[in-house]
Amino acid sequence: MIALALDFAFACFGAAMLMNMWVVAAGRTVEDRILALDTMVINAIALLILHGIWAGTAVFFEAAMIIAMLGFVSTVAYARFILRGNIIE
């Protein structure tokens, strides 16, 4: 039963990743693209955690934590660039 749930979750998050890629490629504004990239980071974290459950190893959970930290920093940097025009003062 858990294998069926994992397959369904992989399919859902994979489809969400494809939709986010579409928004990144064809988004109207820069803000839409940044939100889509942030959502892609969240989907990548979910896919890593699902793969860690499927493989039965904890390495993927640590990788998900690193990607979460990098995603947060990159989203803040993008937002700061849009608001001020520079990242580092």
PDB file of N, CA and C in Angstrom:
ATOM      1  N   MET A   1       0.821  -1.202   0.000  1.00  0.00           N
ATOM      2  CA  MET A   1       0.000   0.000   0.000  1.00  0.00           C
ATOM      3  C   MET A   1       0.864   1.265   0.000  1.00  0.00           C
ATOM      4  N   ILE A   2       1.989   1.221   0.727  1.00  0.00           N
ATOM      5  CA  ILE A   2       2.854   2.396   0.760  1.00  0.00           C
ATOM      6  C   ILE A   2       3.498   2.633  -0.609  1.00  0.00           C
ATOM      7  N   ALA A   3       3.747   1.558  -1.349  1.00  0.00           N
ATOM      8  CA  ALA A   3       4.329   1.712  -2.688  1.00  0.00           C
ATOM      9  C   ALA A   3       3.352   2.438  -3.617  1.00  0.00           C
ATOM     10  N   LEU A   4       2.072   2.142  -3.506  1.00  0.00           N
ATOM     11  CA  LEU A   4       1.062   2.817  -4.318  1.00  0.00           C
ATOM     12  C   LEU A   4       0.973   4.291  -3.949  1.00  0.00           C
ATOM     13  N   ALA A   5       1.023   4.588  -2.668  1.00  0.00           N
ATOM     14  CA  ALA A   5       0.983   5.973  -2.220  1.00  0.00           C
ATOM     15  C   ALA A   5       2.221   6.739  -2.688  1.00  0.00           C
ATOM     16  N   LEU A   6       3.380   6.097  -2.645  1.00  0.00           N
ATOM     17  CA  LEU A   6       4.598   6.743  -3.117  1.00  0.00           C
ATOM     18  C   LEU A   6       4.541   7.008  -4.619  1.00  0.00           C
ATOM     19  N   ASP A   7       4.039   6.053  -5.378  1.00  0.00           N
ATOM     20  CA  ASP A   7       3.903   6.252  -6.823  1.00  0.00           C
ATOM     21  C   ASP A   7       2.969   7.408  -7.142  1.00  0.00           C
ATOM     22  N   PHE A   8       1.862   7.488  -6.428  1.00  0.00           N
ATOM     23  CA  PHE A   8       0.910   8.583  -6.631  1.00  0.00           C
ATOM     24  C   PHE A   8       1.540   9.921  -6.261  1.00  0.00           C
ATOM     25  N   ALA A   9       2.267   9.962  -5.153  1.00  0.00           N
ATOM     26  CA  ALA A   9       2.911  11.208  -4.725  1.00  0.00           C
ATOM     27  C   ALA A   9       4.002  11.625  -5.711  1.00  0.00           C
ATOM     28  N   PHE A  10       4.791  10.660  -6.202  1.00  0.00           N
ATOM     29  CA  PHE A  10       5.801  10.973  -7.217  1.00  0.00           C
ATOM     30  C   PHE A  10       5.142  11.576  -8.457  1.00  0.00           C
ATOM     31  N   ALA A  11       4.041  10.998  -8.893  1.00  0.00           N
ATOM     32  CA  ALA A  11       3.345  11.502 -10.079  1.00  0.00           C
ATOM     33  C   ALA A  11       2.801  12.909  -9.852  1.00  0.00           C
ATOM     34  N   CYS A  12       2.228  13.149  -8.689  1.00  0.00           N
ATOM     35  CA  CYS A  12       1.670  14.475  -8.393  1.00  0.00           C
ATOM     36  C   CYS A  12       2.755  15.538  -8.323  1.00  0.00           C
ATOM     37  N   PHE A  13       3.833  15.259  -7.612  1.00  0.00           N
ATOM     38  CA  PHE A  13       4.893  16.252  -7.491  1.00  0.00           C
ATOM     39  C   PHE A  13       5.663  16.406  -8.804  1.00  0.00           C
ATOM     40  N   GLY A  14       5.770  15.343  -9.578  1.00  0.00           N
ATOM     41  CA  GLY A  14       6.386  15.456 -10.894  1.00  0.00           C
ATOM     42  C   GLY A  14       5.563  16.336 -11.826  1.00  0.00           C
ATOM     43  N   ALA A  15       4.247  16.173 -11.794  1.00  0.00           N
ATOM     44  CA  ALA A  15       3.370  17.019 -12.603  1.00  0.00           C
ATOM     45  C   ALA A  15       3.438  18.472 -12.145  1.00  0.00           C
ATOM     46  N   ALA A  16       3.503  18.681 -10.839  1.00  0.00           N
ATOM     47  CA  ALA A  16       3.632  20.041 -10.319  1.00  0.00           C
ATOM     48  C   ALA A  16       4.951  20.673 -10.751  1.00  0.00           C
ATOM     49  N   MET A  17       6.013  19.874 -10.788  1.00  0.00           N
ATOM     50  CA  MET A  17       7.307  20.383 -11.234  1.00  0.00           C
ATOM     51  C   MET A  17       7.250  20.798 -12.701  1.00  0.00           C
ATOM     52  N   LEU A  18       6.587  20.008 -13.528  1.00  0.00           N
ATOM     53  CA  LEU A  18       6.449  20.356 -14.944  1.00  0.00           C
ATOM     54  C   LEU A  18       5.626  21.634 -15.128  1.00  0.00           C
ATOM     55  N   MET A  19       4.572  21.788 -14.339  1.00  0.00           N
ATOM     56  CA  MET A  19       3.769  23.010 -14.434  1.00  0.00           C
ATOM     57  C   MET A  19       4.567  24.231 -13.986  1.00  0.00           C
ATOM     58  N   ASN A  20       5.392  24.068 -12.964  1.00  0.00           N
ATOM     59  CA  ASN A  20       6.233  25.179 -12.527  1.00  0.00           C
ATOM     60  C   ASN A  20       7.269  25.536 -13.577  1.00  0.00           C
ATOM     61  N   MET A  21       7.808  24.530 -14.257  1.00  0.00           N
ATOM     62  CA  MET A  21       8.758  24.819 -15.336  1.00  0.00           C
ATOM     63  C   MET A  21       8.090  25.617 -16.449  1.00  0.00           C
ATOM     64  N   TRP A  22       6.833  25.313 -16.705  1.00  0.00           N
ATOM     65  CA  TRP A  22       6.097  26.064 -17.716  1.00  0.00           C
ATOM     66  C   TRP A  22       5.936  27.521 -17.292  1.00  0.00           C
ATOM     67  N   VAL A  23       5.625  27.765 -16.038  1.00  0.00           N
ATOM     68  CA  VAL A  23       5.462  29.141 -15.566  1.00  0.00           C
ATOM     69  C   VAL A  23       6.795  29.878 -15.597  1.00  0.00           C
ATOM     70  N   VAL A  24       7.889  29.193 -15.270  1.00  0.00           N
ATOM     71  CA  VAL A  24       9.202  29.830 -15.335  1.00  0.00           C
ATOM     72  C   VAL A  24       9.523  30.223 -16.776  1.00  0.00           C
ATOM     73  N   ALA A  25       9.180  29.387 -17.722  1.00  0.00           N
ATOM     74  CA  ALA A  25       9.491  29.671 -19.124  1.00  0.00           C
ATOM     75  C   ALA A  25       8.551  30.704 -19.735  1.00  0.00           C
ATOM     76  N   ALA A  26       7.279  30.678 -19.353  1.00  0.00           N
ATOM     77  CA  ALA A  26       6.293  31.527 -20.022  1.00  0.00           C
ATOM     78  C   ALA A  26       5.584  32.487 -19.074  1.00  0.00           C
ATOM     79  N   GLY A  27       6.164  32.754 -17.915  1.00  0.00           N
ATOM     80  CA  GLY A  27       5.524  33.660 -16.965  1.00  0.00           C
ATOM     81  C   GLY A  27       5.477  35.082 -17.493  1.00  0.00           C
ATOM     82  N   ARG A  28       4.445  35.816 -17.087  1.00  0.00           N
ATOM     83  CA  ARG A  28       4.276  37.172 -17.587  1.00  0.00           C
ATOM     84  C   ARG A  28       5.266  38.143 -16.953  1.00  0.00           C
ATOM     85  N   THR A  29       5.429  38.044 -15.643  1.00  0.00           N
ATOM     86  CA  THR A  29       6.293  38.999 -14.947  1.00  0.00           C
ATOM     87  C   THR A  29       7.424  38.262 -14.244  1.00  0.00           C
ATOM     88  N   VAL A  30       8.398  39.034 -13.820  1.00  0.00           N
ATOM     89  CA  VAL A  30       9.528  38.458 -13.099  1.00  0.00           C
ATOM     90  C   VAL A  30       9.070  37.895 -11.761  1.00  0.00           C
ATOM     91  N   GLU A  31       8.105  38.538 -11.145  1.00  0.00           N
ATOM     92  CA  GLU A  31       7.602  38.058  -9.861  1.00  0.00           C
ATOM     93  C   GLU A  31       6.952  36.687  -9.987  1.00  0.00           C
ATOM     94  N   ASP A  32       6.213  36.482 -11.072  1.00  0.00           N
ATOM     95  CA  ASP A  32       5.616  35.165 -11.316  1.00  0.00           C
ATOM     96  C   ASP A  32       6.681  34.090 -11.464  1.00  0.00           C
ATOM     97  N   ARG A  33       7.745  34.428 -12.152  1.00  0.00           N
ATOM     98  CA  ARG A  33       8.827  33.469 -12.358  1.00  0.00           C
ATOM     99  C   ARG A  33       9.559  33.157 -11.065  1.00  0.00           C
ATOM    100  N   ILE A  34       9.746  34.159 -10.224  1.00  0.00           N
ATOM    101  CA  ILE A  34      10.411  33.925  -8.939  1.00  0.00           C
ATOM    102  C   ILE A  34       9.549  33.038  -8.047  1.00  0.00           C
ATOM    103  N   LEU A  35       8.251  33.293  -8.016  1.00  0.00           N
ATOM    104  CA  LEU A  35       7.357  32.436  -7.227  1.00  0.00           C
ATOM    105  C   LEU A  35       7.352  31.003  -7.764  1.00  0.00           C
ATOM    106  N   ALA A  36       7.408  30.861  -9.081  1.00  0.00           N
ATOM    107  CA  ALA A  36       7.458  29.516  -9.665  1.00  0.00           C
ATOM    108  C   ALA A  36       8.769  28.816  -9.303  1.00  0.00           C
ATOM    109  N   LEU A  37       9.884  29.549  -9.303  1.00  0.00           N
ATOM    110  CA  LEU A  37      11.155  28.948  -8.896  1.00  0.00           C
ATOM    111  C   LEU A  37      11.131  28.530  -7.437  1.00  0.00           C
ATOM    112  N   ASP A  38      10.524  29.355  -6.585  1.00  0.00           N
ATOM    113  CA  ASP A  38      10.418  29.001  -5.171  1.00  0.00           C
ATOM    114  C   ASP A  38       9.550  27.760  -4.991  1.00  0.00           C
ATOM    115  N   THR A  39       8.486  27.670  -5.741  1.00  0.00           N
ATOM    116  CA  THR A  39       7.633  26.486  -5.678  1.00  0.00           C
ATOM    117  C   THR A  39       8.347  25.257  -6.225  1.00  0.00           C
ATOM    118  N   MET A  40       9.215  25.458  -7.235  1.00  0.00           N
ATOM    119  CA  MET A  40      10.006  24.334  -7.741  1.00  0.00           C
ATOM    120  C   MET A  40      10.962  23.811  -6.681  1.00  0.00           C
ATOM    121  N   VAL A  41      11.513  24.700  -5.878  1.00  0.00           N
ATOM    122  CA  VAL A  41      12.389  24.265  -4.784  1.00  0.00           C
ATOM    123  C   VAL A  41      11.602  23.428  -3.790  1.00  0.00           C
ATOM    124  N   ILE A  42      10.398  23.850  -3.475  1.00  0.00           N
ATOM    125  CA  ILE A  42       9.560  23.086  -2.544  1.00  0.00           C
ATOM    126  C   ILE A  42       9.224  21.719  -3.127  1.00  0.00           C
ATOM    127  N   ASN A  43       8.910  21.671  -4.421  1.00  0.00           N
ATOM    128  CA  ASN A  43       8.620  20.388  -5.059  1.00  0.00           C
ATOM    129  C   ASN A  43       9.851  19.488  -5.110  1.00  0.00           C
ATOM    130  N   ALA A  44      11.017  20.082  -5.330  1.00  0.00           N
ATOM    131  CA  ALA A  44      12.249  19.289  -5.333  1.00  0.00           C
ATOM    132  C   ALA A  44      12.520  18.703  -3.947  1.00  0.00           C
ATOM    133  N   ILE A  45      12.246  19.474  -2.915  1.00  0.00           N
ATOM    134  CA  ILE A  45      12.400  18.966  -1.550  1.00  0.00           C
ATOM    135  C   ILE A  45      11.452  17.801  -1.315  1.00  0.00           C
ATOM    136  N   ALA A  46      10.213  17.952  -1.759  1.00  0.00           N
ATOM    137  CA  ALA A  46       9.241  16.874  -1.584  1.00  0.00           C
ATOM    138  C   ALA A  46       9.662  15.622  -2.350  1.00  0.00           C
ATOM    139  N   LEU A  47      10.176  15.791  -3.559  1.00  0.00           N
ATOM    140  CA  LEU A  47      10.626  14.630  -4.330  1.00  0.00           C
ATOM    141  C   LEU A  47      11.826  13.952  -3.678  1.00  0.00           C
ATOM    142  N   LEU A  48      12.732  14.741  -3.113  1.00  0.00           N
ATOM    143  CA  LEU A  48      13.866  14.138  -2.405  1.00  0.00           C
ATOM    144  C   LEU A  48      13.421  13.347  -1.184  1.00  0.00           C
ATOM    145  N   ILE A  49      12.494  13.894  -0.443  1.00  0.00           N
ATOM    146  CA  ILE A  49      12.004  13.188   0.745  1.00  0.00           C
ATOM    147  C   ILE A  49      11.272  11.914   0.345  1.00  0.00           C
ATOM    148  N   LEU A  50      10.479  11.988  -0.708  1.00  0.00           N
ATOM    149  CA  LEU A  50       9.791  10.782  -1.182  1.00  0.00           C
ATOM    150  C   LEU A  50      10.792   9.728  -1.649  1.00  0.00           C
ATOM    151  N   HIS A  51      11.835  10.173  -2.325  1.00  0.00           N
ATOM    152  CA  HIS A  51      12.856   9.215  -2.761  1.00  0.00           C
ATOM    153  C   HIS A  51      13.596   8.619  -1.568  1.00  0.00           C
ATOM    154  N   GLY A  52      13.809   9.428  -0.531  1.00  0.00           N
ATOM    155  CA  GLY A  52      14.428   8.900   0.687  1.00  0.00           C
ATOM    156  C   GLY A  52      13.570   7.858   1.364  1.00  0.00           C
ATOM    157  N   ILE A  53      12.268   8.064   1.372  1.00  0.00           N
ATOM    158  CA  ILE A  53      11.356   7.063   1.934  1.00  0.00           C
ATOM    159  C   ILE A  53      11.385   5.797   1.089  1.00  0.00           C
ATOM    160  N   TRP A  54      11.364   5.981  -0.235  1.00  0.00           N
ATOM    161  CA  TRP A  54      11.369   4.837  -1.143  1.00  0.00           C
ATOM    162  C   TRP A  54      12.660   4.038  -1.028  1.00  0.00           C
ATOM    163  N   ALA A  55      13.806   4.732  -0.918  1.00  0.00           N
ATOM    164  CA  ALA A  55      15.100   4.050  -0.838  1.00  0.00           C
ATOM    165  C   ALA A  55      15.410   3.553   0.564  1.00  0.00           C
ATOM    166  N   GLY A  56      14.769   4.122   1.564  1.00  0.00           N
ATOM    167  CA  GLY A  56      15.004   3.702   2.941  1.00  0.00           C
ATOM    168  C   GLY A  56      16.319   4.193   3.513  1.00  0.00           C
ATOM    169  N   THR A  57      16.777   5.356   3.066  1.00  0.00           N
ATOM    170  CA  THR A  57      18.032   5.915   3.557  1.00  0.00           C
ATOM    171  C   THR A  57      17.811   7.357   4.010  1.00  0.00           C
ATOM    172  N   ALA A  58      18.658   7.821   4.913  1.00  0.00           N
ATOM    173  CA  ALA A  58      18.499   9.164   5.475  1.00  0.00           C
ATOM    174  C   ALA A  58      19.321  10.211   4.738  1.00  0.00           C
ATOM    175  N   VAL A  59      20.095   9.813   3.753  1.00  0.00           N
ATOM    176  CA  VAL A  59      20.946  10.767   3.033  1.00  0.00           C
ATOM    177  C   VAL A  59      20.098  11.799   2.303  1.00  0.00           C
ATOM    178  N   PHE A  60      18.989  11.384   1.759  1.00  0.00           N
ATOM    179  CA  PHE A  60      18.140  12.295   0.998  1.00  0.00           C
ATOM    180  C   PHE A  60      17.475  13.334   1.890  1.00  0.00           C
ATOM    181  N   PHE A  61      17.251  13.026   3.155  1.00  0.00           N
ATOM    182  CA  PHE A  61      16.666  13.992   4.070  1.00  0.00           C
ATOM    183  C   PHE A  61      17.658  15.116   4.355  1.00  0.00           C
ATOM    184  N   GLU A  62      18.932  14.776   4.471  1.00  0.00           N
ATOM    185  CA  GLU A  62      19.954  15.798   4.664  1.00  0.00           C
ATOM    186  C   GLU A  62      20.096  16.668   3.417  1.00  0.00           C
ATOM    187  N   ALA A  63      20.027  16.054   2.254  1.00  0.00           N
ATOM    188  CA  ALA A  63      20.086  16.822   1.006  1.00  0.00           C
ATOM    189  C   ALA A  63      18.880  17.750   0.888  1.00  0.00           C
ATOM    190  N   ALA A  64      17.726  17.308   1.345  1.00  0.00           N
ATOM    191  CA  ALA A  64      16.533  18.147   1.312  1.00  0.00           C
ATOM    192  C   ALA A  64      16.700  19.366   2.221  1.00  0.00           C
ATOM    193  N   MET A  65      17.339  19.189   3.363  1.00  0.00           N
ATOM    194  CA  MET A  65      17.580  20.319   4.266  1.00  0.00           C
ATOM    195  C   MET A  65      18.522  21.335   3.619  1.00  0.00           C
ATOM    196  N   ILE A  66      19.552  20.866   2.945  1.00  0.00           N
ATOM    197  CA  ILE A  66      20.492  21.776   2.275  1.00  0.00           C
ATOM    198  C   ILE A  66      19.792  22.535   1.155  1.00  0.00           C
ATOM    199  N   ILE A  67      18.973  21.844   0.381  1.00  0.00           N
ATOM    200  CA  ILE A  67      18.249  22.505  -0.703  1.00  0.00           C
ATOM    201  C   ILE A  67      17.244  23.509  -0.141  1.00  0.00           C
ATOM    202  N   ALA A  68      16.632  23.204   0.997  1.00  0.00           N
ATOM    203  CA  ALA A  68      15.700  24.147   1.619  1.00  0.00           C
ATOM    204  C   ALA A  68      16.417  25.430   2.026  1.00  0.00           C
ATOM    205  N   MET A  69      17.601  25.302   2.601  1.00  0.00           N
ATOM    206  CA  MET A  69      18.360  26.498   2.982  1.00  0.00           C
ATOM    207  C   MET A  69      18.772  27.307   1.759  1.00  0.00           C
ATOM    208  N   LEU A  70      19.247  26.646   0.722  1.00  0.00           N
ATOM    209  CA  LEU A  70      19.638  27.346  -0.498  1.00  0.00           C
ATOM    210  C   LEU A  70      18.438  28.000  -1.191  1.00  0.00           C
ATOM    211  N   GLY A  71      17.306  27.333  -1.162  1.00  0.00           N
ATOM    212  CA  GLY A  71      16.095  27.899  -1.759  1.00  0.00           C
ATOM    213  C   GLY A  71      15.633  29.148  -1.041  1.00  0.00           C
ATOM    214  N   PHE A  72      15.712  29.142   0.285  1.00  0.00           N
ATOM    215  CA  PHE A  72      15.316  30.316   1.051  1.00  0.00           C
ATOM    216  C   PHE A  72      16.231  31.496   0.747  1.00  0.00           C
ATOM    217  N   VAL A  73      17.531  31.248   0.751  1.00  0.00           N
ATOM    218  CA  VAL A  73      18.494  32.323   0.493  1.00  0.00           C
ATOM    219  C   VAL A  73      18.329  32.868  -0.927  1.00  0.00           C
ATOM    220  N   SER A  74      18.119  31.992  -1.893  1.00  0.00           N
ATOM    221  CA  SER A  74      17.970  32.467  -3.268  1.00  0.00           C
ATOM    222  C   SER A  74      16.682  33.262  -3.453  1.00  0.00           C
ATOM    223  N   THR A  75      15.602  32.879  -2.803  1.00  0.00           N
ATOM    224  CA  THR A  75      14.360  33.623  -2.908  1.00  0.00           C
ATOM    225  C   THR A  75      14.511  35.007  -2.288  1.00  0.00           C
ATOM    226  N   VAL A  76      15.179  35.094  -1.154  1.00  0.00           N
ATOM    227  CA  VAL A  76      15.423  36.398  -0.532  1.00  0.00           C
ATOM    228  C   VAL A  76      16.307  37.255  -1.423  1.00  0.00           C
ATOM    229  N   ALA A  77      17.314  36.658  -2.044  1.00  0.00           N
ATOM    230  CA  ALA A  77      18.203  37.414  -2.928  1.00  0.00           C
ATOM    231  C   ALA A  77      17.449  37.929  -4.157  1.00  0.00           C
ATOM    232  N   TYR A  78      16.598  37.102  -4.746  1.00  0.00           N
ATOM    233  CA  TYR A  78      15.805  37.548  -5.895  1.00  0.00           C
ATOM    234  C   TYR A  78      14.877  38.690  -5.500  1.00  0.00           C
ATOM    235  N   ALA A  79      14.203  38.555  -4.365  1.00  0.00           N
ATOM    236  CA  ALA A  79      13.277  39.595  -3.920  1.00  0.00           C
ATOM    237  C   ALA A  79      14.021  40.903  -3.638  1.00  0.00           C
ATOM    238  N   ARG A  80      15.184  40.798  -3.035  1.00  0.00           N
ATOM    239  CA  ARG A  80      15.965  41.998  -2.745  1.00  0.00           C
ATOM    240  C   ARG A  80      16.448  42.649  -4.039  1.00  0.00           C
ATOM    241  N   PHE A  81      16.805  41.846  -5.013  1.00  0.00           N
ATOM    242  CA  PHE A  81      17.233  42.394  -6.303  1.00  0.00           C
ATOM    243  C   PHE A  81      16.098  43.132  -6.988  1.00  0.00           C
ATOM    244  N   ILE A  82      14.896  42.594  -6.904  1.00  0.00           N
ATOM    245  CA  ILE A  82      13.743  43.268  -7.530  1.00  0.00           C
ATOM    246  C   ILE A  82      13.429  44.570  -6.814  1.00  0.00           C
ATOM    247  N   LEU A  83      13.482  44.572  -5.486  1.00  0.00           N
ATOM    248  CA  LEU A  83      13.126  45.763  -4.733  1.00  0.00           C
ATOM    249  C   LEU A  83      14.171  46.864  -4.830  1.00  0.00           C
ATOM    250  N   ARG A  84      15.458  46.510  -4.750  1.00  0.00           N
ATOM    251  CA  ARG A  84      16.503  47.516  -4.654  1.00  0.00           C
ATOM    252  C   ARG A  84      17.416  47.609  -5.864  1.00  0.00           C
ATOM    253  N   GLY A  85      17.445  46.593  -6.686  1.00  0.00           N
ATOM    254  CA  GLY A  85      18.320  46.627  -7.844  1.00  0.00           C
ATOM    255  C   GLY A  85      19.705  46.071  -7.591  1.00  0.00           C
ATOM    256  N   ASN A  86      20.026  45.781  -6.337  1.00  0.00           N
ATOM    257  CA  ASN A  86      21.296  45.131  -6.012  1.00  0.00           C
ATOM    258  C   ASN A  86      21.067  44.154  -4.877  1.00  0.00           C
ATOM    259  N   ILE A  87      21.999  43.252  -4.714  1.00  0.00           N
ATOM    260  CA  ILE A  87      21.858  42.233  -3.675  1.00  0.00           C
ATOM    261  C   ILE A  87      22.723  42.580  -2.486  1.00  0.00           C
ATOM    262  N   ILE A  88      23.964  42.956  -2.751  1.00  0.00           N
ATOM    263  CA  ILE A  88      24.908  43.289  -1.697  1.00  0.00           C
ATOM    264  C   ILE A  88      25.165  44.783  -1.740  1.00  0.00           C
ATOM    265  N   GLU A  89      24.986  45.430  -0.606  1.00  0.00           N
ATOM    266  CA  GLU A  89      25.191  46.878  -0.545  1.00  0.00           C
ATOM    267  C   GLU A  89      26.619  47.216  -0.256  1.00  0.00           C
TER     268      GLU A  89
END
